[in-house]
Amino acid sequence: MRIDPKTTTAAPSSPILVSSSSSKAFSIGKKGRNIIKKLKCTDFLKEEMVTKVLDHLKASDEVKKKLKISAKFGVCVANNFCDCLVVPYQPVVYACLAELGFKCMKNALSNSAP
């Protein structure tokens, strides 16, 4: 796929200036949280597909356990990643991706506990 620079418009990248006198921390706010909550992604990966592949894998149980945790995290991120990309404000995208990573990792680790 080729991108024609003449027809493609991109938002100018502008650095975010941080004032040293500003003590207010960045927060998404109620409006931003409502926008993020309304966004939906389609399921790109099904956990059942990953489970079938891992079941046919010839590896030790310890390796399979680690792969299942990693796969659970990967499925979660893949299925929710586009929600963060449609947010129009770049710092909110970063916050969304950080929260997504945290939630997916927490989910993957908590479900794998013996």
PDB file of N, CA and C in Angstrom:
ATOM      1  N   MET A   1       0.840  -1.179   0.000  1.00  0.00           N
ATOM      2  CA  MET A   1       0.000   0.000   0.000  1.00  0.00           C
ATOM      3  C   MET A   1       0.885   1.241   0.000  1.00  0.00           C
ATOM      4  N   ARG A   2       0.631   2.146  -0.914  1.00  0.00           N
ATOM      5  CA  ARG A   2       1.396   3.386  -0.996  1.00  0.00           C
ATOM      6  C   ARG A   2       0.567   4.541  -0.489  1.00  0.00           C
ATOM      7  N   ILE A   3       1.225   5.445   0.149  1.00  0.00           N
ATOM      8  CA  ILE A   3       0.567   6.651   0.638  1.00  0.00           C
ATOM      9  C   ILE A   3       1.053   7.818  -0.196  1.00  0.00           C
ATOM     10  N   ASP A   4       0.118   8.528  -0.783  1.00  0.00           N
ATOM     11  CA  ASP A   4       0.450   9.683  -1.608  1.00  0.00           C
ATOM     12  C   ASP A   4       0.536  10.914  -0.711  1.00  0.00           C
ATOM     13  N   PRO A   5       1.706  11.511  -0.557  1.00  0.00           N
ATOM     14  CA  PRO A   5       1.845  12.664   0.336  1.00  0.00           C
ATOM     15  C   PRO A   5       1.058  13.886  -0.120  1.00  0.00           C
ATOM     16  N   LYS A   6       0.691  13.935  -1.404  1.00  0.00           N
ATOM     17  CA  LYS A   6      -0.061  15.089  -1.900  1.00  0.00           C
ATOM     18  C   LYS A   6      -1.512  15.054  -1.455  1.00  0.00           C
ATOM     19  N   THR A   7      -2.048  13.846  -1.292  1.00  0.00           N
ATOM     20  CA  THR A   7      -3.460  13.733  -0.908  1.00  0.00           C
ATOM     21  C   THR A   7      -3.643  13.414   0.563  1.00  0.00           C
ATOM     22  N   THR A   8      -2.586  13.041   1.224  1.00  0.00           N
ATOM     23  CA  THR A   8      -2.678  12.682   2.637  1.00  0.00           C
ATOM     24  C   THR A   8      -2.426  13.910   3.492  1.00  0.00           C
ATOM     25  N   THR A   9      -3.321  14.139   4.435  1.00  0.00           N
ATOM     26  CA  THR A   9      -3.114  15.241   5.369  1.00  0.00           C
ATOM     27  C   THR A   9      -2.849  14.657   6.738  1.00  0.00           C
ATOM     28  N   ALA A  10      -1.891  15.172   7.391  1.00  0.00           N
ATOM     29  CA  ALA A  10      -1.550  14.711   8.729  1.00  0.00           C
ATOM     30  C   ALA A  10      -1.570  15.894   9.671  1.00  0.00           C
ATOM     31  N   ALA A  11      -1.931  15.598  10.884  1.00  0.00           N
ATOM     32  CA  ALA A  11      -1.935  16.653  11.890  1.00  0.00           C
ATOM     33  C   ALA A  11      -0.495  17.036  12.191  1.00  0.00           C
ATOM     34  N   PRO A  12      -0.216  18.308  12.274  1.00  0.00           N
ATOM     35  CA  PRO A  12       1.158  18.712  12.577  1.00  0.00           C
ATOM     36  C   PRO A  12       1.529  18.261  13.980  1.00  0.00           C
ATOM     37  N   SER A  13       2.726  17.763  14.103  1.00  0.00           N
ATOM     38  CA  SER A  13       3.145  17.337  15.433  1.00  0.00           C
ATOM     39  C   SER A  13       3.672  18.551  16.171  1.00  0.00           C
ATOM     40  N   SER A  14       3.057  18.817  17.267  1.00  0.00           N
ATOM     41  CA  SER A  14       3.484  19.967  18.051  1.00  0.00           C
ATOM     42  C   SER A  14       3.899  19.485  19.425  1.00  0.00           C
ATOM     43  N   PRO A  15       5.028  19.942  19.903  1.00  0.00           N
ATOM     44  CA  PRO A  15       5.469  19.512  21.226  1.00  0.00           C
ATOM     45  C   PRO A  15       4.549  20.065  22.306  1.00  0.00           C
ATOM     46  N   ILE A  16       4.426  19.302  23.352  1.00  0.00           N
ATOM     47  CA  ILE A  16       3.608  19.737  24.475  1.00  0.00           C
ATOM     48  C   ILE A  16       4.526  20.473  25.444  1.00  0.00           C
ATOM     49  N   LEU A  17       4.218  21.714  25.681  1.00  0.00           N
ATOM     50  CA  LEU A  17       5.038  22.515  26.575  1.00  0.00           C
ATOM     51  C   LEU A  17       4.538  22.359  28.001  1.00  0.00           C
ATOM     52  N   VAL A  18       5.463  22.141  28.898  1.00  0.00           N
ATOM     53  CA  VAL A  18       5.114  21.985  30.300  1.00  0.00           C
ATOM     54  C   VAL A  18       5.734  23.138  31.064  1.00  0.00           C
ATOM     55  N   SER A  19       4.912  23.859  31.749  1.00  0.00           N
ATOM     56  CA  SER A  19       5.391  24.983  32.533  1.00  0.00           C
ATOM     57  C   SER A  19       5.896  24.482  33.875  1.00  0.00           C
ATOM     58  N   SER A  20       7.033  24.992  34.306  1.00  0.00           N
ATOM     59  CA  SER A  20       7.573  24.571  35.595  1.00  0.00           C
ATOM     60  C   SER A  20       6.762  25.151  36.748  1.00  0.00           C
ATOM     61  N   SER A  21       6.026  26.224  36.495  1.00  0.00           N
ATOM     62  CA  SER A  21       5.231  26.822  37.564  1.00  0.00           C
ATOM     63  C   SER A  21       3.879  26.133  37.714  1.00  0.00           C
ATOM     64  N   SER A  22       3.531  25.303  36.755  1.00  0.00           N
ATOM     65  CA  SER A  22       2.245  24.615  36.809  1.00  0.00           C
ATOM     66  C   SER A  22       2.343  23.425  37.746  1.00  0.00           C
ATOM     67  N   SER A  23       1.457  23.373  38.724  1.00  0.00           N
ATOM     68  CA  SER A  23       1.459  22.254  39.658  1.00  0.00           C
ATOM     69  C   SER A  23       0.296  21.317  39.401  1.00  0.00           C
ATOM     70  N   LYS A  24      -0.565  21.657  38.451  1.00  0.00           N
ATOM     71  CA  LYS A  24      -1.729  20.832  38.159  1.00  0.00           C
ATOM     72  C   LYS A  24      -1.307  19.630  37.317  1.00  0.00           C
ATOM     73  N   ALA A  25      -1.657  18.442  37.765  1.00  0.00           N
ATOM     74  CA  ALA A  25      -1.324  17.221  37.036  1.00  0.00           C
ATOM     75  C   ALA A  25      -2.306  17.010  35.892  1.00  0.00           C
ATOM     76  N   PHE A  26      -1.846  16.326  34.854  1.00  0.00           N
ATOM     77  CA  PHE A  26      -2.705  16.035  33.710  1.00  0.00           C
ATOM     78  C   PHE A  26      -3.749  15.006  34.112  1.00  0.00           C
ATOM     79  N   SER A  27      -4.998  15.268  33.771  1.00  0.00           N
ATOM     80  CA  SER A  27      -6.050  14.280  34.001  1.00  0.00           C
ATOM     81  C   SER A  27      -6.975  14.261  32.795  1.00  0.00           C
ATOM     82  N   ILE A  28      -7.554  13.114  32.543  1.00  0.00           N
ATOM     83  CA  ILE A  28      -8.427  12.946  31.387  1.00  0.00           C
ATOM     84  C   ILE A  28      -9.714  13.722  31.574  1.00  0.00           C
ATOM     85  N   GLY A  29     -10.264  13.713  32.758  1.00  0.00           N
ATOM     86  CA  GLY A  29     -11.503  14.419  33.027  1.00  0.00           C
ATOM     87  C   GLY A  29     -12.722  13.574  32.703  1.00  0.00           C
ATOM     88  N   LYS A  30     -13.857  14.042  33.174  1.00  0.00           N
ATOM     89  CA  LYS A  30     -15.104  13.291  33.018  1.00  0.00           C
ATOM     90  C   LYS A  30     -15.494  13.138  31.550  1.00  0.00           C
ATOM     91  N   LYS A  31     -15.365  14.201  30.775  1.00  0.00           N
ATOM     92  CA  LYS A  31     -15.740  14.150  29.364  1.00  0.00           C
ATOM     93  C   LYS A  31     -14.861  13.155  28.606  1.00  0.00           C
ATOM     94  N   GLY A  32     -13.569  13.175  28.876  1.00  0.00           N
ATOM     95  CA  GLY A  32     -12.647  12.245  28.229  1.00  0.00           C
ATOM     96  C   GLY A  32     -12.931  10.797  28.596  1.00  0.00           C
ATOM     97  N   ARG A  33     -13.230  10.547  29.873  1.00  0.00           N
ATOM     98  CA  ARG A  33     -13.563   9.186  30.308  1.00  0.00           C
ATOM     99  C   ARG A  33     -14.833   8.695  29.635  1.00  0.00           C
ATOM    100  N   ASN A  34     -15.822   9.579  29.480  1.00  0.00           N
ATOM    101  CA  ASN A  34     -17.064   9.190  28.816  1.00  0.00           C
ATOM    102  C   ASN A  34     -16.821   8.838  27.354  1.00  0.00           C
ATOM    103  N   ILE A  35     -15.950   9.585  26.695  1.00  0.00           N
ATOM    104  CA  ILE A  35     -15.617   9.282  25.299  1.00  0.00           C
ATOM    105  C   ILE A  35     -14.958   7.910  25.212  1.00  0.00           C
ATOM    106  N   ILE A  36     -14.008   7.658  26.095  1.00  0.00           N
ATOM    107  CA  ILE A  36     -13.279   6.388  26.075  1.00  0.00           C
ATOM    108  C   ILE A  36     -14.214   5.220  26.369  1.00  0.00           C
ATOM    109  N   LYS A  37     -15.152   5.392  27.302  1.00  0.00           N
ATOM    110  CA  LYS A  37     -16.067   4.306  27.655  1.00  0.00           C
ATOM    111  C   LYS A  37     -16.995   3.938  26.506  1.00  0.00           C
ATOM    112  N   LYS A  38     -17.354   4.894  25.659  1.00  0.00           N
ATOM    113  CA  LYS A  38     -18.295   4.643  24.566  1.00  0.00           C
ATOM    114  C   LYS A  38     -17.651   3.948  23.374  1.00  0.00           C
ATOM    115  N   LEU A  39     -16.340   4.011  23.259  1.00  0.00           N
ATOM    116  CA  LEU A  39     -15.657   3.422  22.109  1.00  0.00           C
ATOM    117  C   LEU A  39     -15.671   1.899  22.206  1.00  0.00           C
ATOM    118  N   LYS A  40     -15.923   1.247  21.096  1.00  0.00           N
ATOM    119  CA  LYS A  40     -15.966  -0.216  21.062  1.00  0.00           C
ATOM    120  C   LYS A  40     -15.070  -0.732  19.946  1.00  0.00           C
ATOM    121  N   CYS A  41     -14.470  -1.879  20.186  1.00  0.00           N
ATOM    122  CA  CYS A  41     -13.628  -2.549  19.204  1.00  0.00           C
ATOM    123  C   CYS A  41     -14.284  -3.877  18.843  1.00  0.00           C
ATOM    124  N   THR A  42     -14.021  -4.337  17.657  1.00  0.00           N
ATOM    125  CA  THR A  42     -14.464  -5.680  17.312  1.00  0.00           C
ATOM    126  C   THR A  42     -13.422  -6.657  17.815  1.00  0.00           C
ATOM    127  N   ASP A  43     -13.813  -7.894  17.960  1.00  0.00           N
ATOM    128  CA  ASP A  43     -12.868  -8.912  18.418  1.00  0.00           C
ATOM    129  C   ASP A  43     -11.984  -9.342  17.259  1.00  0.00           C
ATOM    130  N   PHE A  44     -10.723  -8.968  17.329  1.00  0.00           N
ATOM    131  CA  PHE A  44      -9.773  -9.344  16.295  1.00  0.00           C
ATOM    132  C   PHE A  44      -9.262 -10.762  16.527  1.00  0.00           C
ATOM    133  N   LEU A  45      -9.033 -11.098  17.777  1.00  0.00           N
ATOM    134  CA  LEU A  45      -8.531 -12.418  18.139  1.00  0.00           C
ATOM    135  C   LEU A  45      -9.503 -13.075  19.101  1.00  0.00           C
ATOM    136  N   LYS A  46      -9.730 -14.327  18.902  1.00  0.00           N
ATOM    137  CA  LYS A  46     -10.561 -15.094  19.817  1.00  0.00           C
ATOM    138  C   LYS A  46      -9.641 -15.913  20.708  1.00  0.00           C
ATOM    139  N   GLU A  47      -9.937 -15.928  21.977  1.00  0.00           N
ATOM    140  CA  GLU A  47      -9.102 -16.667  22.914  1.00  0.00           C
ATOM    141  C   GLU A  47      -9.111 -18.163  22.595  1.00  0.00           C
ATOM    142  N   GLU A  48     -10.220 -18.646  22.031  1.00  0.00           N
ATOM    143  CA  GLU A  48     -10.323 -20.067  21.693  1.00  0.00           C
ATOM    144  C   GLU A  48      -9.292 -20.457  20.631  1.00  0.00           C
ATOM    145  N   MET A  49      -9.026 -19.545  19.689  1.00  0.00           N
ATOM    146  CA  MET A  49      -8.042 -19.830  18.641  1.00  0.00           C
ATOM    147  C   MET A  49      -6.659 -20.016  19.256  1.00  0.00           C
ATOM    148  N   VAL A  50      -6.314 -19.151  20.188  1.00  0.00           N
ATOM    149  CA  VAL A  50      -5.006 -19.225  20.834  1.00  0.00           C
ATOM    150  C   VAL A  50      -4.916 -20.489  21.677  1.00  0.00           C
ATOM    151  N   THR A  51      -5.996 -20.842  22.375  1.00  0.00           N
ATOM    152  CA  THR A  51      -6.012 -22.036  23.218  1.00  0.00           C
ATOM    153  C   THR A  51      -5.788 -23.292  22.381  1.00  0.00           C
ATOM    154  N   LYS A  52      -6.417 -23.372  21.209  1.00  0.00           N
ATOM    155  CA  LYS A  52      -6.239 -24.541  20.336  1.00  0.00           C
ATOM    156  C   LYS A  52      -4.786 -24.682  19.902  1.00  0.00           C
ATOM    157  N   VAL A  53      -4.159 -23.584  19.572  1.00  0.00           N
ATOM    158  CA  VAL A  53      -2.753 -23.633  19.157  1.00  0.00           C
ATOM    159  C   VAL A  53      -1.878 -24.094  20.315  1.00  0.00           C
ATOM    160  N   LEU A  54      -2.116 -23.560  21.506  1.00  0.00           N
ATOM    161  CA  LEU A  54      -1.304 -23.931  22.665  1.00  0.00           C
ATOM    162  C   LEU A  54      -1.521 -25.384  23.067  1.00  0.00           C
ATOM    163  N   ASP A  55      -2.729 -25.914  22.859  1.00  0.00           N
ATOM    164  CA  ASP A  55      -2.997 -27.313  23.191  1.00  0.00           C
ATOM    165  C   ASP A  55      -2.196 -28.264  22.304  1.00  0.00           C
ATOM    166  N   HIS A  56      -1.971 -27.889  21.062  1.00  0.00           N
ATOM    167  CA  HIS A  56      -1.225 -28.733  20.133  1.00  0.00           C
ATOM    168  C   HIS A  56       0.283 -28.540  20.248  1.00  0.00           C
ATOM    169  N   LEU A  57       0.700 -27.588  21.038  1.00  0.00           N
ATOM    170  CA  LEU A  57       2.122 -27.301  21.201  1.00  0.00           C
ATOM    171  C   LEU A  57       2.779 -28.365  22.070  1.00  0.00           C
ATOM    172  N   LYS A  58       3.904 -28.863  21.627  1.00  0.00           N
ATOM    173  CA  LYS A  58       4.639 -29.860  22.407  1.00  0.00           C
ATOM    174  C   LYS A  58       5.695 -29.119  23.223  1.00  0.00           C
ATOM    175  N   ALA A  59       5.316 -28.796  24.447  1.00  0.00           N
ATOM    176  CA  ALA A  59       6.223 -28.082  25.353  1.00  0.00           C
ATOM    177  C   ALA A  59       5.868 -28.480  26.781  1.00  0.00           C
ATOM    178  N   SER A  60       6.738 -28.133  27.705  1.00  0.00           N
ATOM    179  CA  SER A  60       6.471 -28.462  29.108  1.00  0.00           C
ATOM    180  C   SER A  60       5.295 -27.635  29.621  1.00  0.00           C
ATOM    181  N   ASP A  61       4.711 -28.096  30.713  1.00  0.00           N
ATOM    182  CA  ASP A  61       3.557 -27.392  31.285  1.00  0.00           C
ATOM    183  C   ASP A  61       3.919 -25.984  31.739  1.00  0.00           C
ATOM    184  N   GLU A  62       5.139 -25.813  32.235  1.00  0.00           N
ATOM    185  CA  GLU A  62       5.583 -24.488  32.687  1.00  0.00           C
ATOM    186  C   GLU A  62       5.657 -23.506  31.512  1.00  0.00           C
ATOM    187  N   VAL A  63       6.178 -23.963  30.393  1.00  0.00           N
ATOM    188  CA  VAL A  63       6.265 -23.116  29.200  1.00  0.00           C
ATOM    189  C   VAL A  63       4.868 -22.795  28.688  1.00  0.00           C
ATOM    190  N   LYS A  64       3.992 -23.800  28.665  1.00  0.00           N
ATOM    191  CA  LYS A  64       2.616 -23.578  28.214  1.00  0.00           C
ATOM    192  C   LYS A  64       1.896 -22.566  29.103  1.00  0.00           C
ATOM    193  N   LYS A  65       2.147 -22.650  30.415  1.00  0.00           N
ATOM    194  CA  LYS A  65       1.509 -21.714  31.352  1.00  0.00           C
ATOM    195  C   LYS A  65       1.941 -20.280  31.045  1.00  0.00           C
ATOM    196  N   LYS A  66       3.234 -20.081  30.834  1.00  0.00           N
ATOM    197  CA  LYS A  66       3.745 -18.734  30.519  1.00  0.00           C
ATOM    198  C   LYS A  66       3.195 -18.244  29.179  1.00  0.00           C
ATOM    199  N   LEU A  67       3.118 -19.134  28.201  1.00  0.00           N
ATOM    200  CA  LEU A  67       2.572 -18.758  26.898  1.00  0.00           C
ATOM    201  C   LEU A  67       1.086 -18.408  26.989  1.00  0.00           C
ATOM    202  N   LYS A  68       0.350 -19.104  27.837  1.00  0.00           N
ATOM    203  CA  LYS A  68      -1.080 -18.807  28.001  1.00  0.00           C
ATOM    204  C   LYS A  68      -1.278 -17.427  28.627  1.00  0.00           C
ATOM    205  N   ILE A  69      -0.443 -17.097  29.604  1.00  0.00           N
ATOM    206  CA  ILE A  69      -0.520 -15.765  30.220  1.00  0.00           C
ATOM    207  C   ILE A  69      -0.206 -14.698  29.175  1.00  0.00           C
ATOM    208  N   SER A  70       0.852 -14.922  28.420  1.00  0.00           N
ATOM    209  CA  SER A  70       1.241 -13.972  27.380  1.00  0.00           C
ATOM    210  C   SER A  70       0.160 -13.850  26.311  1.00  0.00           C
ATOM    211  N   ALA A  71      -0.440 -14.975  25.936  1.00  0.00           N
ATOM    212  CA  ALA A  71      -1.500 -14.953  24.923  1.00  0.00           C
ATOM    213  C   ALA A  71      -2.732 -14.228  25.434  1.00  0.00           C
ATOM    214  N   LYS A  72      -3.069 -14.424  26.700  1.00  0.00           N
ATOM    215  CA  LYS A  72      -4.232 -13.740  27.277  1.00  0.00           C
ATOM    216  C   LYS A  72      -4.016 -12.225  27.245  1.00  0.00           C
ATOM    217  N   PHE A  73      -2.803 -11.792  27.579  1.00  0.00           N
ATOM    218  CA  PHE A  73      -2.466 -10.374  27.508  1.00  0.00           C
ATOM    219  C   PHE A  73      -2.558  -9.878  26.061  1.00  0.00           C
ATOM    220  N   GLY A  74      -1.983 -10.624  25.130  1.00  0.00           N
ATOM    221  CA  GLY A  74      -1.988 -10.229  23.723  1.00  0.00           C
ATOM    222  C   GLY A  74      -3.381 -10.134  23.133  1.00  0.00           C
ATOM    223  N   VAL A  75      -4.249 -11.078  23.477  1.00  0.00           N
ATOM    224  CA  VAL A  75      -5.631 -11.058  22.989  1.00  0.00           C
ATOM    225  C   VAL A  75      -6.355  -9.834  23.528  1.00  0.00           C
ATOM    226  N   CYS A  76      -6.156  -9.539  24.799  1.00  0.00           N
ATOM    227  CA  CYS A  76      -6.798  -8.374  25.417  1.00  0.00           C
ATOM    228  C   CYS A  76      -6.357  -7.083  24.730  1.00  0.00           C
ATOM    229  N   VAL A  77      -5.063  -6.929  24.527  1.00  0.00           N
ATOM    230  CA  VAL A  77      -4.543  -5.716  23.882  1.00  0.00           C
ATOM    231  C   VAL A  77      -5.043  -5.615  22.443  1.00  0.00           C
ATOM    232  N   ALA A  78      -4.980  -6.714  21.704  1.00  0.00           N
ATOM    233  CA  ALA A  78      -5.399  -6.692  20.298  1.00  0.00           C
ATOM    234  C   ALA A  78      -6.870  -6.340  20.157  1.00  0.00           C
ATOM    235  N   ASN A  79      -7.694  -6.812  21.072  1.00  0.00           N
ATOM    236  CA  ASN A  79      -9.130  -6.574  20.971  1.00  0.00           C
ATOM    237  C   ASN A  79      -9.551  -5.196  21.472  1.00  0.00           C
ATOM    238  N   ASN A  80      -8.672  -4.483  22.152  1.00  0.00           N
ATOM    239  CA  ASN A  80      -9.030  -3.174  22.690  1.00  0.00           C
ATOM    240  C   ASN A  80      -8.143  -2.037  22.199  1.00  0.00           C
ATOM    241  N   PHE A  81      -7.150  -2.351  21.401  1.00  0.00           N
ATOM    242  CA  PHE A  81      -6.162  -1.378  20.947  1.00  0.00           C
ATOM    243  C   PHE A  81      -6.783  -0.238  20.144  1.00  0.00           C
ATOM    244  N   CYS A  82      -7.739  -0.555  19.274  1.00  0.00           N
ATOM    245  CA  CYS A  82      -8.290   0.484  18.397  1.00  0.00           C
ATOM    246  C   CYS A  82      -9.091   1.520  19.177  1.00  0.00           C
ATOM    247  N   ASP A  83      -9.590   1.142  20.361  1.00  0.00           N
ATOM    248  CA  ASP A  83     -10.304   2.116  21.186  1.00  0.00           C
ATOM    249  C   ASP A  83      -9.402   3.305  21.519  1.00  0.00           C
ATOM    250  N   CYS A  84      -8.150   3.033  21.794  1.00  0.00           N
ATOM    251  CA  CYS A  84      -7.211   4.098  22.149  1.00  0.00           C
ATOM    252  C   CYS A  84      -6.798   4.927  20.933  1.00  0.00           C
ATOM    253  N   LEU A  85      -6.791   4.320  19.775  1.00  0.00           N
ATOM    254  CA  LEU A  85      -6.308   5.025  18.588  1.00  0.00           C
ATOM    255  C   LEU A  85      -7.296   6.033  18.034  1.00  0.00           C
ATOM    256  N   VAL A  86      -8.567   5.913  18.370  1.00  0.00           N
ATOM    257  CA  VAL A  86      -9.552   6.849  17.828  1.00  0.00           C
ATOM    258  C   VAL A  86      -9.708   8.095  18.691  1.00  0.00           C
ATOM    259  N   VAL A  87      -9.044   8.129  19.826  1.00  0.00           N
ATOM    260  CA  VAL A  87      -9.095   9.310  20.684  1.00  0.00           C
ATOM    261  C   VAL A  87      -8.295  10.419  20.002  1.00  0.00           C
ATOM    262  N   PRO A  88      -8.867  11.615  19.847  1.00  0.00           N
ATOM    263  CA  PRO A  88      -8.219  12.647  19.040  1.00  0.00           C
ATOM    264  C   PRO A  88      -7.055  13.384  19.712  1.00  0.00           C
ATOM    265  N   TYR A  89      -6.889  13.261  20.991  1.00  0.00           N
ATOM    266  CA  TYR A  89      -5.892  14.057  21.708  1.00  0.00           C
ATOM    267  C   TYR A  89      -4.727  13.161  22.119  1.00  0.00           C
ATOM    268  N   GLN A  90      -3.528  13.450  21.629  1.00  0.00           N
ATOM    269  CA  GLN A  90      -2.375  12.573  21.774  1.00  0.00           C
ATOM    270  C   GLN A  90      -2.048  12.183  23.225  1.00  0.00           C
ATOM    271  N   PRO A  91      -2.024  13.092  24.189  1.00  0.00           N
ATOM    272  CA  PRO A  91      -1.740  12.663  25.561  1.00  0.00           C
ATOM    273  C   PRO A  91      -2.787  11.682  26.102  1.00  0.00           C
ATOM    274  N   VAL A  92      -4.028  11.817  25.654  1.00  0.00           N
ATOM    275  CA  VAL A  92      -5.069  10.889  26.097  1.00  0.00           C
ATOM    276  C   VAL A  92      -4.841   9.515  25.460  1.00  0.00           C
ATOM    277  N   VAL A  93      -4.320   9.491  24.239  1.00  0.00           N
ATOM    278  CA  VAL A  93      -3.988   8.217  23.595  1.00  0.00           C
ATOM    279  C   VAL A  93      -2.935   7.496  24.426  1.00  0.00           C
ATOM    280  N   TYR A  94      -1.904   8.215  24.849  1.00  0.00           N
ATOM    281  CA  TYR A  94      -0.854   7.609  25.675  1.00  0.00           C
ATOM    282  C   TYR A  94      -1.426   7.092  26.991  1.00  0.00           C
ATOM    283  N   ALA A  95      -2.273   7.882  27.621  1.00  0.00           N
ATOM    284  CA  ALA A  95      -2.889   7.459  28.881  1.00  0.00           C
ATOM    285  C   ALA A  95      -3.758   6.228  28.662  1.00  0.00           C
ATOM    286  N   CYS A  96      -4.490   6.214  27.566  1.00  0.00           N
ATOM    287  CA  CYS A  96      -5.349   5.081  27.238  1.00  0.00           C
ATOM    288  C   CYS A  96      -4.519   3.814  27.027  1.00  0.00           C
ATOM    289  N   LEU A  97      -3.424   3.918  26.288  1.00  0.00           N
ATOM    290  CA  LEU A  97      -2.566   2.759  26.039  1.00  0.00           C
ATOM    291  C   LEU A  97      -1.928   2.250  27.330  1.00  0.00           C
ATOM    292  N   ALA A  98      -1.527   3.174  28.199  1.00  0.00           N
ATOM    293  CA  ALA A  98      -0.946   2.773  29.482  1.00  0.00           C
ATOM    294  C   ALA A  98      -1.976   2.047  30.334  1.00  0.00           C
ATOM    295  N   GLU A  99      -3.181   2.589  30.387  1.00  0.00           N
ATOM    296  CA  GLU A  99      -4.240   1.950  31.168  1.00  0.00           C
ATOM    297  C   GLU A  99      -4.616   0.600  30.568  1.00  0.00           C
ATOM    298  N   LEU A 100      -4.660   0.522  29.255  1.00  0.00           N
ATOM    299  CA  LEU A 100      -4.976  -0.734  28.576  1.00  0.00           C
ATOM    300  C   LEU A 100      -3.938  -1.800  28.914  1.00  0.00           C
ATOM    301  N   GLY A 101      -2.669  -1.439  28.840  1.00  0.00           N
ATOM    302  CA  GLY A 101      -1.607  -2.381  29.186  1.00  0.00           C
ATOM    303  C   GLY A 101      -1.697  -2.840  30.621  1.00  0.00           C
ATOM    304  N   PHE A 102      -1.967  -1.904  31.526  1.00  0.00           N
ATOM    305  CA  PHE A 102      -2.084  -2.249  32.942  1.00  0.00           C
ATOM    306  C   PHE A 102      -3.254  -3.198  33.179  1.00  0.00           C
ATOM    307  N   LYS A 103      -4.422  -2.861  32.622  1.00  0.00           N
ATOM    308  CA  LYS A 103      -5.612  -3.695  32.835  1.00  0.00           C
ATOM    309  C   LYS A 103      -5.448  -5.082  32.225  1.00  0.00           C
ATOM    310  N   CYS A 104      -4.890  -5.141  31.027  1.00  0.00           N
ATOM    311  CA  CYS A 104      -4.717  -6.440  30.371  1.00  0.00           C
ATOM    312  C   CYS A 104      -3.716  -7.313  31.122  1.00  0.00           C
ATOM    313  N   MET A 105      -2.630  -6.720  31.596  1.00  0.00           N
ATOM    314  CA  MET A 105      -1.642  -7.496  32.346  1.00  0.00           C
ATOM    315  C   MET A 105      -2.224  -7.965  33.674  1.00  0.00           C
ATOM    316  N   LYS A 106      -2.943  -7.079  34.344  1.00  0.00           N
ATOM    317  CA  LYS A 106      -3.569  -7.447  35.615  1.00  0.00           C
ATOM    318  C   LYS A 106      -4.556  -8.594  35.404  1.00  0.00           C
ATOM    319  N   ASN A 107      -5.343  -8.501  34.347  1.00  0.00           N
ATOM    320  CA  ASN A 107      -6.308  -9.546  34.006  1.00  0.00           C
ATOM    321  C   ASN A 107      -5.615 -10.870  33.717  1.00  0.00           C
ATOM    322  N   ALA A 108      -4.578 -10.826  32.903  1.00  0.00           N
ATOM    323  CA  ALA A 108      -3.867 -12.046  32.517  1.00  0.00           C
ATOM    324  C   ALA A 108      -3.213 -12.709  33.723  1.00  0.00           C
ATOM    325  N   LEU A 109      -2.622 -11.918  34.596  1.00  0.00           N
ATOM    326  CA  LEU A 109      -1.949 -12.485  35.766  1.00  0.00           C
ATOM    327  C   LEU A 109      -2.931 -12.974  36.821  1.00  0.00           C
ATOM    328  N   SER A 110      -4.033 -12.272  37.010  1.00  0.00           N
ATOM    329  CA  SER A 110      -4.993 -12.683  38.041  1.00  0.00           C
ATOM    330  C   SER A 110      -5.727 -13.958  37.639  1.00  0.00           C
ATOM    331  N   ASN A 111      -5.977 -14.151  36.352  1.00  0.00           N
ATOM    332  CA  ASN A 111      -6.663 -15.361  35.900  1.00  0.00           C
ATOM    333  C   ASN A 111      -5.743 -16.567  35.861  1.00  0.00           C
ATOM    334  N   SER A 112      -4.451 -16.360  35.940  1.00  0.00           N
ATOM    335  CA  SER A 112      -3.510 -17.475  35.861  1.00  0.00           C
ATOM    336  C   SER A 112      -3.054 -17.948  37.236  1.00  0.00           C
ATOM    337  N   ALA A 113      -3.495 -17.276  38.285  1.00  0.00           N
ATOM    338  CA  ALA A 113      -3.072 -17.651  39.637  1.00  0.00           C
ATOM    339  C   ALA A 113      -3.596 -19.045  39.976  1.00  0.00           C
ATOM    340  N   PRO A 114      -2.775 -19.874  40.627  1.00  0.00           N
ATOM    341  CA  PRO A 114      -3.205 -21.246  40.958  1.00  0.00           C
ATOM    342  C   PRO A 114      -4.268 -21.283  42.020  1.00  0.00           C
TER     343      PRO A 114
END
